[in-house]
Amino acid sequence: MSDPASRPIAVLGGTGPAGAGLALRWARSGENILIGSRDAQRAHEAAEKIKREAGNQSRVSGMENSAACAAADILVLTVPFEGQATLLKQLKPAIRPGSILIDATVALAAGVGGRASRTLGVWQGSSAQQAAELVPKGVSVAAAFHNLSAEILNGDEALDCDVIVCSDDANASQLARSLAAKIPGVRAIDGGKLENARTLEQITALLIGLNIRHKGHSGIRITGLPDGAYV
């Protein structure tokens, strides 16, 4: 697999806090970032903001979501759960064959009027498994980046957090872990099959509850594994 830095990364939903934060961190590491949005002008404005924060040498541009899909084969989905299925159905004709979709969606009850510290039941098992059913045949899906603080991502300090990656495709898992490791303070861990993404989403809801209760920006660290388990 080629180095991600040689391939553009389309962050779909990149105008939101999580997407913008990931885009900022990857832009600082030298990645070529495409900010996707339903509104091309909004995407352009978000890209210009990220570029100012990442530095003049950074490569960041903004475009409508379908154009971003057509221009990249690494896609990172960072939209609220209630918009995930609709967006993927709309983008299906634009997603390139052989693309890798990294899904950071969490089915939080807050999106449909419930509590943010509780996840919804998803028929397929998790948001990522739902995404895998909706993308074109031959597109690989990995679940990752659920448990990173969007507020810290959009700042300058290192993150004190591990990223667990779940996927049924070894190349997709490896790519997601290599991108995670480009974020200062982050370690990446292979979390096994895509079906394990349901646990990642539940952890996210737990962390949100902790953050509300203790007014913090909690993450997770996995301890006790051999050094080779961490990227």
Protein backbone atom coordinates (compact mmCIF):
# COMPACT_ATOMS: atom_id res chain seq x y z
CA MET A 1 0.00 0.00 0.00
CA SER A 2 1.33 3.47 -0.88
CA ASP A 3 1.99 6.06 1.78
CA PRO A 4 -1.24 7.97 2.55
CA ALA A 5 0.65 11.25 2.05
CA SER A 6 0.78 10.48 -1.69
CA ARG A 7 -3.01 10.08 -1.88
CA PRO A 8 -5.66 12.71 -1.14
CA ILE A 9 -7.93 12.12 1.84
CA ALA A 10 -11.54 13.25 1.50
CA VAL A 11 -13.07 14.15 4.86
CA LEU A 12 -16.82 13.95 4.30
CA GLY A 13 -18.56 16.15 6.80
CA GLY A 14 -15.28 17.99 7.19
CA THR A 15 -16.94 21.25 8.21
CA GLY A 16 -18.06 19.76 11.55
CA PRO A 17 -15.86 19.75 14.68
CA ALA A 18 -14.64 16.15 14.40
CA GLY A 19 -13.97 16.26 10.67
CA ALA A 20 -12.27 19.65 10.85
CA GLY A 21 -10.10 18.48 13.73
CA LEU A 22 -8.93 15.36 11.92
CA ALA A 23 -8.32 17.38 8.76
CA LEU A 24 -6.25 19.92 10.70
CA ARG A 25 -4.05 17.28 12.30
CA TRP A 26 -3.47 15.44 9.03
CA ALA A 27 -2.80 18.67 7.14
CA ARG A 28 -0.12 19.52 9.69
CA SER A 29 1.46 16.11 9.08
CA GLY A 30 1.69 16.76 5.33
CA GLU A 31 -1.41 14.96 4.06
CA ASN A 32 -3.36 16.26 1.06
CA ILE A 33 -6.83 16.98 2.47
CA LEU A 34 -10.14 17.49 0.66
CA ILE A 35 -12.89 18.94 2.84
CA GLY A 36 -16.28 17.65 1.74
CA SER A 37 -19.62 19.26 2.52
CA ARG A 38 -23.14 19.42 1.11
CA ASP A 39 -22.34 23.09 0.39
CA ALA A 40 -19.24 23.70 -1.74
CA GLN A 41 -18.85 27.27 -0.49
CA ARG A 42 -18.97 26.15 3.13
CA ALA A 43 -16.38 23.49 2.35
CA HIS A 44 -14.13 26.09 0.76
CA GLU A 45 -14.41 28.39 3.77
CA ALA A 46 -13.63 25.54 6.17
CA ALA A 47 -10.63 24.53 4.07
CA GLU A 48 -9.24 28.06 4.11
CA LYS A 49 -9.60 28.20 7.90
CA ILE A 50 -7.81 24.89 8.34
CA LYS A 51 -5.08 25.95 5.95
CA ARG A 52 -4.42 29.12 7.96
CA GLU A 53 -4.13 27.07 11.14
CA ALA A 54 -2.05 24.30 9.58
CA GLY A 55 0.39 26.63 7.81
CA ASN A 56 0.86 28.02 4.33
CA GLN A 57 2.59 24.87 3.10
CA SER A 58 -0.39 22.67 3.95
CA ARG A 59 -2.53 21.15 1.21
CA VAL A 60 -6.21 21.67 1.98
CA SER A 61 -9.07 22.34 -0.41
CA GLY A 62 -12.84 22.29 -0.14
CA MET A 63 -15.55 20.93 -2.43
CA GLU A 64 -18.98 19.35 -2.49
CA ASN A 65 -19.08 15.81 -1.07
CA SER A 66 -19.60 13.98 -4.36
CA ALA A 67 -16.71 15.86 -5.98
CA ALA A 68 -14.50 14.95 -3.02
CA CYS A 69 -15.43 11.26 -3.45
CA ALA A 70 -14.62 11.41 -7.13
CA ALA A 71 -11.21 12.92 -6.40
CA ALA A 72 -10.03 10.52 -3.67
CA ASP A 73 -10.03 6.83 -2.81
CA ILE A 74 -9.48 7.40 0.92
CA LEU A 75 -12.73 8.64 2.46
CA VAL A 76 -13.29 9.56 6.10
CA LEU A 77 -16.93 9.88 7.14
CA THR A 78 -17.54 12.24 10.09
CA VAL A 79 -21.25 13.06 9.87
CA PRO A 80 -23.98 12.65 12.52
CA PHE A 81 -25.65 9.25 12.47
CA GLU A 82 -29.02 10.62 11.37
CA GLY A 83 -27.45 11.80 8.10
CA GLN A 84 -25.14 8.85 7.45
CA ALA A 85 -27.41 6.57 5.43
CA THR A 86 -28.90 9.35 3.31
CA LEU A 87 -25.48 10.76 2.48
CA LEU A 88 -23.97 7.40 1.54
CA LYS A 89 -26.92 6.61 -0.73
CA GLN A 90 -26.46 9.97 -2.44
CA LEU A 91 -22.71 9.48 -2.82
CA LYS A 92 -22.79 5.87 -3.99
CA PRO A 93 -22.44 6.73 -7.71
CA ALA A 94 -19.47 9.01 -6.97
CA ILE A 95 -17.45 6.63 -4.78
CA ARG A 96 -14.54 5.22 -6.75
CA PRO A 97 -14.12 1.43 -7.07
CA GLY A 98 -11.61 0.06 -4.59
CA SER A 99 -11.94 3.03 -2.21
CA ILE A 100 -11.47 2.73 1.53
CA LEU A 101 -14.09 4.34 3.75
CA ILE A 102 -13.08 5.07 7.35
CA ASP A 103 -16.27 5.58 9.33
CA ALA A 104 -16.27 7.58 12.57
CA THR A 105 -20.05 7.70 12.94
CA VAL A 106 -21.65 6.97 16.30
CA ALA A 107 -25.36 6.21 16.61
CA LEU A 108 -25.98 8.56 19.52
CA ALA A 109 -29.49 8.97 20.85
CA ALA A 110 -28.93 12.74 21.01
CA GLY A 111 -29.21 12.87 17.22
CA VAL A 112 -32.87 11.90 17.41
CA GLY A 113 -33.88 13.73 20.57
CA GLY A 114 -32.42 11.39 23.19
CA ARG A 115 -29.44 11.51 25.50
CA ALA A 116 -25.93 11.85 24.04
CA SER A 117 -24.59 9.36 26.58
CA ARG A 118 -26.64 6.51 25.08
CA THR A 119 -26.34 4.74 21.73
CA LEU A 120 -29.21 3.69 19.50
CA GLY A 121 -29.77 0.14 18.35
CA VAL A 122 -28.67 -0.23 14.73
CA TRP A 123 -30.17 -3.11 12.76
CA GLN A 124 -26.82 -4.03 11.22
CA GLY A 125 -25.08 -3.90 14.63
CA SER A 126 -23.21 -0.61 14.36
CA SER A 127 -22.96 2.54 12.26
CA ALA A 128 -19.90 1.15 10.48
CA GLN A 129 -21.69 -2.08 9.60
CA GLN A 130 -24.55 -0.01 8.22
CA ALA A 131 -22.04 1.93 6.12
CA ALA A 132 -20.58 -1.32 4.80
CA GLU A 133 -24.03 -2.30 3.50
CA LEU A 134 -24.52 1.05 1.78
CA VAL A 135 -21.21 1.57 -0.05
CA PRO A 136 -20.64 0.10 -3.51
CA LYS A 137 -19.38 -3.47 -3.80
CA GLY A 138 -15.60 -3.61 -3.49
CA VAL A 139 -15.32 -0.62 -1.15
CA SER A 140 -13.69 -1.54 2.16
CA VAL A 141 -14.87 -0.06 5.45
CA ALA A 142 -12.94 0.52 8.68
CA ALA A 143 -14.34 1.92 11.92
CA ALA A 144 -12.04 4.37 13.71
CA PHE A 145 -11.61 7.78 15.40
CA HIS A 146 -14.77 7.57 17.51
CA ASN A 147 -13.15 8.38 20.83
CA LEU A 148 -10.98 11.41 20.06
CA SER A 149 -11.98 14.76 21.57
CA ALA A 150 -13.02 17.11 18.77
CA GLU A 151 -12.12 20.10 20.91
CA ILE A 152 -8.56 18.89 21.47
CA LEU A 153 -8.21 17.85 17.82
CA ASN A 154 -8.95 21.43 16.82
CA GLY A 155 -6.23 22.76 19.13
CA ASP A 156 -2.46 22.49 19.32
CA GLU A 157 -1.80 20.03 22.15
CA ALA A 158 -1.11 16.33 21.77
CA LEU A 159 -3.95 13.91 22.43
CA ASP A 160 -3.73 11.40 25.27
CA CYS A 161 -5.76 8.70 23.56
CA ASP A 162 -5.58 5.42 21.67
CA VAL A 163 -7.50 4.82 18.44
CA ILE A 164 -8.96 1.34 18.02
CA VAL A 165 -9.55 0.32 14.41
CA CYS A 166 -12.01 -2.39 13.40
CA SER A 167 -12.31 -3.75 9.88
CA ASP A 168 -12.82 -6.94 7.90
CA ASP A 169 -10.16 -5.77 5.43
CA ALA A 170 -6.48 -5.84 6.44
CA ASN A 171 -5.49 -3.01 4.07
CA ALA A 172 -8.26 -0.74 5.33
CA SER A 173 -7.25 -1.42 8.93
CA GLN A 174 -3.59 -0.75 8.20
CA LEU A 175 -4.39 2.51 6.42
CA ALA A 176 -6.62 3.77 9.24
CA ARG A 177 -3.99 2.91 11.84
CA SER A 178 -1.26 4.69 9.88
CA LEU A 179 -3.42 7.82 9.72
CA ALA A 180 -4.17 7.61 13.44
CA ALA A 181 -0.47 7.41 14.23
CA LYS A 182 0.12 10.71 12.41
CA ILE A 183 -1.80 12.54 15.16
CA PRO A 184 0.54 13.57 18.01
CA GLY A 185 -0.10 11.59 21.19
CA VAL A 186 -2.22 8.94 19.49
CA ARG A 187 -1.45 5.23 19.32
CA ALA A 188 -3.38 2.94 16.99
CA ILE A 189 -4.47 -0.60 17.78
CA ASP A 190 -6.01 -3.31 15.60
CA GLY A 191 -9.40 -3.98 17.19
CA GLY A 192 -10.36 -6.93 15.02
CA LYS A 193 -13.43 -7.43 12.84
CA LEU A 194 -15.85 -4.69 11.83
CA GLU A 195 -18.51 -6.18 14.09
CA ASN A 196 -16.49 -4.95 17.08
CA ALA A 197 -17.32 -1.38 16.06
CA ARG A 198 -20.51 -1.60 18.11
CA THR A 199 -18.34 -1.67 21.25
CA LEU A 200 -16.38 1.37 20.10
CA GLU A 201 -19.61 3.31 19.68
CA GLN A 202 -20.77 2.34 23.16
CA ILE A 203 -17.44 3.49 24.60
CA THR A 204 -17.96 6.84 22.89
CA ALA A 205 -21.31 7.28 24.61
CA LEU A 206 -19.68 6.41 27.96
CA LEU A 207 -16.93 8.98 27.39
CA ILE A 208 -19.48 11.66 26.53
CA GLY A 209 -21.24 10.96 29.79
CA LEU A 210 -17.95 11.22 31.70
CA ASN A 211 -17.11 14.49 29.97
CA ILE A 212 -20.51 15.97 30.85
CA ARG A 213 -20.28 14.81 34.44
CA HIS A 214 -16.66 15.85 35.06
CA LYS A 215 -16.35 18.71 32.54
CA GLY A 216 -13.39 17.17 30.72
CA HIS A 217 -12.22 15.73 27.41
CA SER A 218 -11.66 12.07 28.20
CA GLY A 219 -10.13 9.47 25.92
CA ILE A 220 -9.05 5.86 26.35
CA ARG A 221 -5.70 4.11 26.73
CA ILE A 222 -5.29 0.35 26.29
CA THR A 223 -2.57 -1.03 28.55
CA GLY A 224 -0.85 -4.37 28.99
CA LEU A 225 -0.37 -5.25 25.32
CA PRO A 226 3.05 -6.00 23.79
CA ASP A 227 4.78 -3.07 22.12
CA GLY A 228 4.10 -4.51 18.69
CA ALA A 229 0.34 -4.09 19.17
CA TYR A 230 0.63 -0.30 19.03
CA VAL A 231 1.36 1.81 15.97
